[in-house]
N, C-alpha and C. Protein backbone atom coordinates (compact mmCIF):
# COMPACT_ATOMS: atom_id res chain seq x y z
N UNK A 1 38.77 70.55 155.82
CA UNK A 1 39.43 69.39 155.24
C UNK A 1 39.14 68.14 156.06
N UNK A 2 39.22 68.28 157.40
CA UNK A 2 38.98 67.12 158.25
C UNK A 2 37.55 66.62 158.10
N UNK A 3 36.59 67.54 157.97
CA UNK A 3 35.18 67.12 157.81
C UNK A 3 34.98 66.36 156.51
N UNK A 4 35.64 66.81 155.44
CA UNK A 4 35.52 66.10 154.16
C UNK A 4 36.12 64.71 154.27
N UNK A 5 37.27 64.62 154.92
CA UNK A 5 37.92 63.32 155.09
C UNK A 5 37.06 62.40 155.94
N UNK A 6 36.52 62.93 157.03
CA UNK A 6 35.66 62.13 157.89
C UNK A 6 34.41 61.68 157.14
N UNK A 7 33.83 62.56 156.35
CA UNK A 7 32.66 62.20 155.56
C UNK A 7 32.97 61.10 154.56
N UNK A 8 34.11 61.18 153.92
CA UNK A 8 34.51 60.15 152.96
C UNK A 8 34.73 58.82 153.65
N UNK A 9 35.37 58.83 154.83
CA UNK A 9 35.60 57.59 155.58
C UNK A 9 34.28 56.96 156.00
N UNK A 10 33.34 57.77 156.49
CA UNK A 10 32.03 57.24 156.91
C UNK A 10 31.30 56.65 155.71
N UNK A 11 31.31 57.35 154.58
CA UNK A 11 30.64 56.86 153.38
C UNK A 11 31.25 55.54 152.90
N UNK A 12 32.58 55.49 152.82
CA UNK A 12 33.24 54.27 152.37
C UNK A 12 33.09 53.14 153.37
N UNK A 13 33.06 53.46 154.66
CA UNK A 13 32.87 52.43 155.68
C UNK A 13 31.48 51.81 155.58
N UNK A 14 30.48 52.66 155.31
CA UNK A 14 29.12 52.12 155.18
C UNK A 14 29.02 51.23 153.95
N UNK A 15 29.74 51.60 152.87
CA UNK A 15 29.77 50.74 151.69
C UNK A 15 30.43 49.40 152.02
N UNK A 16 31.56 49.47 152.71
CA UNK A 16 32.29 48.24 153.06
C UNK A 16 31.45 47.36 153.97
N UNK A 17 30.65 47.96 154.86
CA UNK A 17 29.79 47.17 155.74
C UNK A 17 28.63 46.56 154.98
N UNK A 18 28.19 47.21 153.90
CA UNK A 18 27.05 46.70 153.14
C UNK A 18 27.43 45.58 152.19
N UNK A 19 28.68 45.51 151.77
CA UNK A 19 29.10 44.50 150.80
C UNK A 19 28.86 43.07 151.29
N UNK A 20 29.25 42.71 152.54
CA UNK A 20 28.96 41.34 152.98
C UNK A 20 27.47 41.02 152.98
N UNK A 21 26.63 42.00 153.34
CA UNK A 21 25.18 41.77 153.34
C UNK A 21 24.69 41.54 151.91
N UNK A 22 25.19 42.32 150.95
CA UNK A 22 24.80 42.12 149.55
C UNK A 22 25.32 40.78 149.06
N UNK A 23 26.50 40.41 149.50
CA UNK A 23 27.13 39.19 149.03
C UNK A 23 26.36 37.95 149.46
N UNK A 24 25.71 38.02 150.63
CA UNK A 24 24.98 36.84 151.11
C UNK A 24 23.89 36.43 150.14
N UNK A 25 23.20 37.40 149.54
CA UNK A 25 22.14 37.08 148.59
C UNK A 25 22.69 36.51 147.29
N UNK A 26 23.95 36.69 147.01
CA UNK A 26 24.55 36.21 145.76
C UNK A 26 25.42 34.99 145.99
N UNK A 27 25.25 34.32 147.10
CA UNK A 27 26.02 33.14 147.51
C UNK A 27 27.51 33.43 147.64
N UNK A 28 27.85 34.65 148.06
CA UNK A 28 29.23 35.01 148.36
C UNK A 28 29.53 34.59 149.78
N UNK A 29 30.76 34.15 150.00
CA UNK A 29 31.20 33.81 151.35
C UNK A 29 32.58 34.38 151.59
N UNK A 30 32.83 34.73 152.85
CA UNK A 30 34.17 35.20 153.19
C UNK A 30 35.09 34.00 153.22
N UNK A 31 36.20 34.07 152.48
CA UNK A 31 37.13 32.95 152.41
C UNK A 31 38.48 33.28 153.06
N UNK A 32 38.65 34.51 153.51
CA UNK A 32 39.90 34.85 154.16
C UNK A 32 39.91 36.28 154.67
N UNK A 33 40.85 36.54 155.55
CA UNK A 33 41.05 37.89 156.06
C UNK A 33 42.49 38.01 156.54
N UNK A 34 42.95 39.23 156.66
CA UNK A 34 44.30 39.45 157.14
C UNK A 34 44.42 40.79 157.82
N UNK A 35 45.38 40.89 158.73
CA UNK A 35 45.67 42.13 159.43
C UNK A 35 47.17 42.22 159.63
N UNK A 36 47.69 43.44 159.55
CA UNK A 36 49.10 43.66 159.81
C UNK A 36 49.27 45.02 160.47
N UNK A 37 50.19 45.08 161.41
CA UNK A 37 50.55 46.33 162.10
C UNK A 37 52.06 46.48 161.97
N UNK A 38 52.50 47.67 161.65
CA UNK A 38 53.94 47.89 161.62
C UNK A 38 54.29 49.22 162.29
N UNK A 39 55.45 49.24 162.93
CA UNK A 39 55.97 50.44 163.55
C UNK A 39 57.46 50.47 163.26
N UNK A 40 57.91 51.49 162.59
CA UNK A 40 59.29 51.56 162.11
C UNK A 40 60.31 51.63 163.24
N UNK A 41 59.92 52.13 164.40
CA UNK A 41 60.89 52.33 165.49
C UNK A 41 61.06 51.09 166.36
N UNK A 42 60.24 50.07 166.22
CA UNK A 42 60.28 48.93 167.14
C UNK A 42 61.59 48.14 167.07
N UNK A 43 62.13 47.90 165.89
CA UNK A 43 63.30 47.04 165.76
C UNK A 43 64.61 47.69 166.18
N UNK A 44 64.92 48.84 165.59
CA UNK A 44 66.23 49.45 165.84
C UNK A 44 66.12 50.82 166.51
N UNK A 45 64.93 51.20 166.93
CA UNK A 45 64.67 52.47 167.61
C UNK A 45 64.92 53.68 166.70
N UNK A 46 64.93 53.47 165.39
CA UNK A 46 65.05 54.57 164.43
C UNK A 46 63.72 54.71 163.69
N UNK A 47 63.19 55.90 163.68
CA UNK A 47 61.93 56.17 163.00
C UNK A 47 62.23 56.75 161.63
N UNK A 48 61.57 56.23 160.62
CA UNK A 48 61.82 56.69 159.25
C UNK A 48 60.55 57.24 158.63
N UNK A 49 60.59 57.47 157.33
CA UNK A 49 59.52 58.15 156.61
C UNK A 49 58.14 57.51 156.85
N UNK A 50 57.97 56.23 156.60
CA UNK A 50 56.71 55.55 156.84
C UNK A 50 56.74 55.05 158.28
N UNK A 51 56.39 55.92 159.20
CA UNK A 51 56.63 55.68 160.62
C UNK A 51 55.83 54.51 161.20
N UNK A 52 54.63 54.30 160.77
CA UNK A 52 53.84 53.20 161.29
C UNK A 52 52.49 53.13 160.59
N UNK A 53 51.83 52.00 160.74
CA UNK A 53 50.53 51.87 160.11
C UNK A 53 49.88 50.54 160.41
N UNK A 54 48.68 50.40 159.88
CA UNK A 54 47.94 49.15 160.00
C UNK A 54 47.18 48.93 158.71
N UNK A 55 46.90 47.66 158.44
CA UNK A 55 46.12 47.31 157.25
C UNK A 55 45.28 46.09 157.58
N UNK A 56 44.11 46.03 156.99
CA UNK A 56 43.22 44.88 157.16
C UNK A 56 42.55 44.61 155.82
N UNK A 57 42.28 43.34 155.55
CA UNK A 57 41.59 42.99 154.31
C UNK A 57 40.68 41.78 154.54
N UNK A 58 39.64 41.72 153.72
CA UNK A 58 38.68 40.62 153.76
C UNK A 58 38.47 40.15 152.34
N UNK A 59 38.52 38.83 152.13
CA UNK A 59 38.38 38.25 150.79
C UNK A 59 37.07 37.48 150.74
N UNK A 60 36.28 37.76 149.69
CA UNK A 60 35.00 37.09 149.46
C UNK A 60 35.04 36.39 148.11
N UNK A 61 34.39 35.22 148.05
CA UNK A 61 34.33 34.48 146.78
C UNK A 61 32.94 33.88 146.61
N UNK A 62 32.53 33.77 145.38
CA UNK A 62 31.23 33.14 145.09
C UNK A 62 31.28 31.67 145.50
N UNK A 63 30.32 31.24 146.25
CA UNK A 63 30.22 29.86 146.67
C UNK A 63 31.28 29.44 147.67
N UNK A 64 32.06 30.37 148.16
CA UNK A 64 33.07 30.04 149.16
C UNK A 64 34.28 29.31 148.60
N UNK A 65 34.47 29.35 147.29
CA UNK A 65 35.60 28.67 146.65
C UNK A 65 36.91 29.35 147.03
N UNK A 66 37.89 28.55 147.48
CA UNK A 66 39.18 29.09 147.90
C UNK A 66 40.20 29.17 146.77
N UNK A 67 40.02 28.40 145.72
CA UNK A 67 40.96 28.41 144.59
C UNK A 67 40.73 29.67 143.75
N UNK A 68 41.79 30.15 143.10
CA UNK A 68 41.65 31.31 142.24
C UNK A 68 40.74 30.99 141.06
N UNK A 69 39.76 31.84 140.78
CA UNK A 69 38.88 31.61 139.64
C UNK A 69 39.57 31.96 138.33
N UNK A 70 38.97 31.57 137.22
CA UNK A 70 39.54 31.83 135.90
C UNK A 70 39.11 33.19 135.35
N UNK A 71 38.15 33.85 135.99
CA UNK A 71 37.65 35.13 135.49
C UNK A 71 37.66 36.17 136.61
N UNK A 72 37.87 37.44 136.27
CA UNK A 72 37.82 38.48 137.30
C UNK A 72 36.40 38.67 137.83
N UNK A 73 36.31 39.18 139.07
CA UNK A 73 35.01 39.47 139.66
C UNK A 73 34.42 38.33 140.47
N UNK A 74 35.02 37.14 140.42
CA UNK A 74 34.50 35.99 141.17
C UNK A 74 35.09 35.92 142.58
N UNK A 75 36.24 36.58 142.79
CA UNK A 75 36.88 36.67 144.10
C UNK A 75 37.26 38.13 144.30
N UNK A 76 36.78 38.73 145.40
CA UNK A 76 36.97 40.15 145.65
C UNK A 76 37.59 40.34 147.03
N UNK A 77 38.58 41.21 147.10
CA UNK A 77 39.22 41.56 148.37
C UNK A 77 38.94 43.02 148.68
N UNK A 78 38.46 43.29 149.88
CA UNK A 78 38.25 44.65 150.36
C UNK A 78 39.40 44.98 151.30
N UNK A 79 40.05 46.13 151.10
CA UNK A 79 41.21 46.50 151.89
C UNK A 79 40.98 47.84 152.57
N UNK A 80 41.47 47.96 153.81
CA UNK A 80 41.46 49.23 154.54
C UNK A 80 42.82 49.39 155.19
N UNK A 81 43.41 50.57 155.07
CA UNK A 81 44.69 50.79 155.73
C UNK A 81 44.81 52.24 156.18
N UNK A 82 45.65 52.43 157.17
CA UNK A 82 45.97 53.76 157.67
C UNK A 82 47.44 53.76 158.07
N UNK A 83 48.11 54.88 157.80
CA UNK A 83 49.52 54.96 158.18
C UNK A 83 49.90 56.41 158.42
N UNK A 84 51.05 56.60 159.03
CA UNK A 84 51.57 57.93 159.32
C UNK A 84 52.90 58.13 158.63
N UNK A 85 53.09 59.33 158.08
CA UNK A 85 54.35 59.72 157.46
C UNK A 85 55.01 60.73 158.39
N UNK A 86 56.30 60.55 158.61
CA UNK A 86 57.04 61.42 159.53
C UNK A 86 58.03 62.29 158.78
N UNK A 87 58.47 63.39 159.41
CA UNK A 87 59.56 64.18 158.82
C UNK A 87 60.83 63.34 158.71
N UNK A 88 61.76 63.77 157.86
CA UNK A 88 63.02 63.04 157.71
C UNK A 88 63.79 63.00 159.03
N UNK A 89 63.75 64.07 159.79
CA UNK A 89 64.40 64.13 161.10
C UNK A 89 63.33 64.49 162.12
N UNK A 90 62.91 63.53 162.93
CA UNK A 90 61.82 63.80 163.87
C UNK A 90 62.28 64.55 165.11
N UNK A 91 63.58 64.56 165.40
CA UNK A 91 64.10 65.28 166.56
C UNK A 91 64.20 66.77 166.27
N UNK A 92 64.76 67.13 165.11
CA UNK A 92 64.92 68.54 164.73
C UNK A 92 64.59 68.69 163.25
N UNK A 93 63.28 68.71 162.90
CA UNK A 93 62.91 68.82 161.49
C UNK A 93 63.36 70.14 160.88
N UNK A 94 63.84 70.09 159.65
CA UNK A 94 64.22 71.29 158.92
C UNK A 94 62.98 72.07 158.53
N UNK A 95 63.14 73.36 158.30
CA UNK A 95 61.99 74.19 157.95
C UNK A 95 61.28 73.75 156.69
N UNK A 96 62.01 73.26 155.71
CA UNK A 96 61.41 72.84 154.43
C UNK A 96 61.07 71.36 154.41
N UNK A 97 61.28 70.66 155.52
CA UNK A 97 61.01 69.22 155.57
C UNK A 97 59.51 68.95 155.58
N UNK A 98 59.13 67.77 155.15
CA UNK A 98 57.71 67.38 155.19
C UNK A 98 57.25 67.31 156.65
N UNK A 99 55.99 67.52 156.86
CA UNK A 99 55.40 67.44 158.19
C UNK A 99 54.83 66.05 158.40
N UNK A 100 54.39 65.78 159.63
CA UNK A 100 53.65 64.55 159.87
C UNK A 100 52.36 64.60 159.05
N UNK A 101 51.95 63.47 158.52
CA UNK A 101 50.70 63.39 157.76
C UNK A 101 50.11 62.00 157.95
N UNK A 102 48.80 61.94 157.94
CA UNK A 102 48.10 60.66 158.01
C UNK A 102 47.58 60.27 156.65
N UNK A 103 47.48 58.97 156.41
CA UNK A 103 46.97 58.45 155.14
C UNK A 103 45.94 57.37 155.46
N UNK A 104 44.75 57.49 154.87
CA UNK A 104 43.72 56.45 154.96
C UNK A 104 43.44 55.95 153.56
N UNK A 105 43.25 54.64 153.44
CA UNK A 105 43.03 54.04 152.13
C UNK A 105 41.94 52.97 152.23
N UNK A 106 41.05 52.96 151.23
CA UNK A 106 40.01 51.94 151.12
C UNK A 106 40.00 51.46 149.68
N UNK A 107 40.07 50.14 149.49
CA UNK A 107 40.16 49.63 148.13
C UNK A 107 39.39 48.34 147.92
N UNK A 108 39.17 48.04 146.66
CA UNK A 108 38.55 46.78 146.25
C UNK A 108 39.40 46.19 145.13
N UNK A 109 39.72 44.91 145.26
CA UNK A 109 40.59 44.24 144.29
C UNK A 109 39.99 42.88 143.95
N UNK A 110 40.18 42.45 142.71
CA UNK A 110 39.75 41.12 142.31
C UNK A 110 40.99 40.27 142.04
N UNK A 111 40.88 39.00 142.34
CA UNK A 111 42.00 38.06 142.15
C UNK A 111 41.51 36.93 141.23
N UNK A 112 42.36 36.56 140.26
CA UNK A 112 42.02 35.46 139.35
C UNK A 112 43.28 34.92 138.71
N UNK A 113 43.14 33.81 137.99
CA UNK A 113 44.26 33.17 137.32
C UNK A 113 44.01 33.28 135.82
N UNK A 114 45.04 33.77 135.10
CA UNK A 114 44.91 33.92 133.65
C UNK A 114 46.18 33.42 132.98
N UNK A 115 46.05 32.40 132.14
CA UNK A 115 47.18 31.82 131.39
C UNK A 115 48.35 31.46 132.30
N UNK A 116 48.05 30.89 133.45
CA UNK A 116 49.08 30.46 134.38
C UNK A 116 49.61 31.55 135.29
N UNK A 117 49.10 32.77 135.18
CA UNK A 117 49.54 33.87 136.02
C UNK A 117 48.48 34.19 137.07
N UNK A 118 48.92 34.45 138.31
CA UNK A 118 48.02 34.94 139.34
C UNK A 118 47.91 36.45 139.17
N UNK A 119 46.68 36.94 138.98
CA UNK A 119 46.45 38.35 138.70
C UNK A 119 45.66 38.98 139.84
N UNK A 120 46.08 40.16 140.27
CA UNK A 120 45.34 40.98 141.22
C UNK A 120 45.13 42.34 140.59
N UNK A 121 43.89 42.76 140.47
CA UNK A 121 43.56 44.01 139.81
C UNK A 121 42.57 44.75 140.69
N UNK A 122 42.84 46.03 140.96
CA UNK A 122 41.94 46.76 141.83
C UNK A 122 42.19 48.24 141.85
N UNK A 123 41.47 48.89 142.74
CA UNK A 123 41.52 50.33 142.86
C UNK A 123 41.40 50.71 144.32
N UNK A 124 42.21 51.69 144.74
CA UNK A 124 42.14 52.18 146.12
C UNK A 124 41.84 53.68 146.09
N UNK A 125 41.02 54.10 147.03
CA UNK A 125 40.78 55.51 147.26
C UNK A 125 41.64 55.91 148.44
N UNK A 126 42.54 56.88 148.24
CA UNK A 126 43.51 57.25 149.26
C UNK A 126 43.29 58.70 149.63
N UNK A 127 43.17 58.97 150.93
CA UNK A 127 43.04 60.34 151.44
C UNK A 127 44.26 60.63 152.31
N UNK A 128 44.90 61.77 152.06
CA UNK A 128 46.05 62.17 152.85
C UNK A 128 45.70 63.39 153.68
N UNK A 129 46.24 63.42 154.87
CA UNK A 129 46.00 64.55 155.76
C UNK A 129 46.96 65.69 155.49
N UNK A 130 46.74 66.81 156.16
CA UNK A 130 47.59 67.98 155.94
C UNK A 130 49.01 67.73 156.46
């Protein structure tokens, strides 16, 4: 299972690395990026179901335009995230309780404006650990 997951991550990572190179030939430019880290225990020292994680995204647009386009496909966001799920009780987990599990996600989303609405449409590939 781990080898399949690792193979999928390597394949998707190589795709994500190739997209900016392909975009350069099509006059695509990176117009934004973001990163976030969260840990459920930092604030009140209580760990819950979504125990912690990180996410990063990169936004590319044709011609480097920062405004939302009127059609899909002109602005694309690539997202990568990883997080951990914890048992309901991490001190003394019940026998039937969920175990710790890791989640990796890679996605592509397009952003545009349609009839006055900001629209985000995309797809993520999510792999969960045992």
